[in-house]
């Protein structure tokens, strides 16, 4: 059964005011993404998505393809 999931991604290379817009537009094109919000100051991306249609892996690949590699906030491999 599909459920709406929310994840917070960190994209350290979002370093200009246009970067979050680029990331948001790329993620909004992913099937299953229901809502995207970006925070330039904290370089975070909050994504609500249908886990039956997409995955966190797809979301991070999408941000990387847009030029902004990201990881799940709090991931132990994420440099803080």
Protein backbone atom coordinates (compact mmCIF):
# COMPACT_ATOMS: atom_id res chain seq x y z
CA UNK A 1 0.00 0.00 0.00
CA UNK A 2 1.39 3.38 -1.02
CA UNK A 3 2.06 5.96 1.61
CA UNK A 4 3.12 9.57 1.48
CA UNK A 5 6.62 9.94 2.86
CA UNK A 6 8.49 13.10 3.77
CA UNK A 7 12.25 13.36 3.64
CA UNK A 8 14.70 16.20 4.14
CA UNK A 9 17.68 16.31 1.83
CA UNK A 10 20.81 18.42 2.27
CA UNK A 11 22.44 19.89 -0.86
CA UNK A 12 25.60 21.75 0.24
CA UNK A 13 26.28 23.11 -3.25
CA UNK A 14 23.06 25.18 -3.38
CA UNK A 15 25.02 28.39 -3.00
CA UNK A 16 23.02 31.01 -4.91
CA UNK A 17 19.44 32.24 -4.85
CA UNK A 18 18.59 30.46 -8.13
CA UNK A 19 19.90 27.04 -7.03
CA UNK A 20 16.87 26.09 -4.88
CA UNK A 21 14.53 27.00 -7.75
CA UNK A 22 16.45 24.72 -10.12
CA UNK A 23 16.36 21.85 -7.62
CA UNK A 24 12.65 22.34 -6.87
CA UNK A 25 11.69 22.36 -10.55
CA UNK A 26 13.72 19.19 -11.22
CA UNK A 27 12.12 17.34 -8.30
CA UNK A 28 8.60 18.47 -9.22
CA UNK A 29 9.00 16.57 -12.52
CA UNK A 30 9.56 13.25 -10.74
CA UNK A 31 6.48 11.03 -10.81
CA UNK A 32 5.14 10.59 -7.29
CA UNK A 33 6.52 13.85 -5.88
CA UNK A 34 3.65 15.68 -4.22
CA UNK A 35 5.37 18.75 -2.74
CA UNK A 36 8.85 20.28 -2.67
CA UNK A 37 10.11 23.16 -0.56
CA UNK A 38 13.66 24.45 -0.43
CA UNK A 39 15.55 26.47 2.16
CA UNK A 40 18.47 28.36 0.67
CA UNK A 41 19.94 29.40 4.04
CA UNK A 42 20.11 25.84 5.42
CA UNK A 43 20.61 24.25 1.98
CA UNK A 44 17.81 21.79 2.68
CA UNK A 45 15.08 20.35 0.48
CA UNK A 46 11.89 18.93 1.98
CA UNK A 47 10.13 16.47 -0.32
CA UNK A 48 6.74 14.81 0.14
CA UNK A 49 6.36 11.82 -2.17
CA UNK A 50 4.37 8.66 -2.86
CA UNK A 51 6.71 5.81 -1.96
CA UNK A 52 4.97 3.50 -4.43
CA UNK A 53 5.96 5.76 -7.33
CA UNK A 54 9.43 7.01 -6.39
CA UNK A 55 12.21 6.53 -3.85
CA UNK A 56 14.76 8.55 -1.94
CA UNK A 57 17.40 7.15 -4.28
CA UNK A 58 15.54 8.59 -7.27
CA UNK A 59 15.20 11.94 -5.51
CA UNK A 60 18.92 12.19 -4.74
CA UNK A 61 19.78 11.13 -8.31
CA UNK A 62 17.46 13.85 -9.60
CA UNK A 63 19.15 16.57 -7.54
CA UNK A 64 22.58 15.31 -8.64
CA UNK A 65 21.48 15.33 -12.29
CA UNK A 66 20.35 18.94 -11.79
CA UNK A 67 23.87 19.75 -10.59
CA UNK A 68 23.26 19.63 -6.84
CA UNK A 69 24.22 16.33 -5.17
CA UNK A 70 22.23 15.70 -2.01
CA UNK A 71 21.97 13.27 0.88
CA UNK A 72 19.31 12.58 3.47
CA UNK A 73 19.70 14.97 6.40
CA UNK A 74 21.08 13.10 9.38
CA UNK A 75 22.57 10.33 7.21
CA UNK A 76 25.76 9.21 8.93
CA UNK A 77 27.65 9.59 5.63
CA UNK A 78 26.52 13.23 5.36
CA UNK A 79 29.18 15.76 6.28
CA UNK A 80 27.72 18.36 8.60
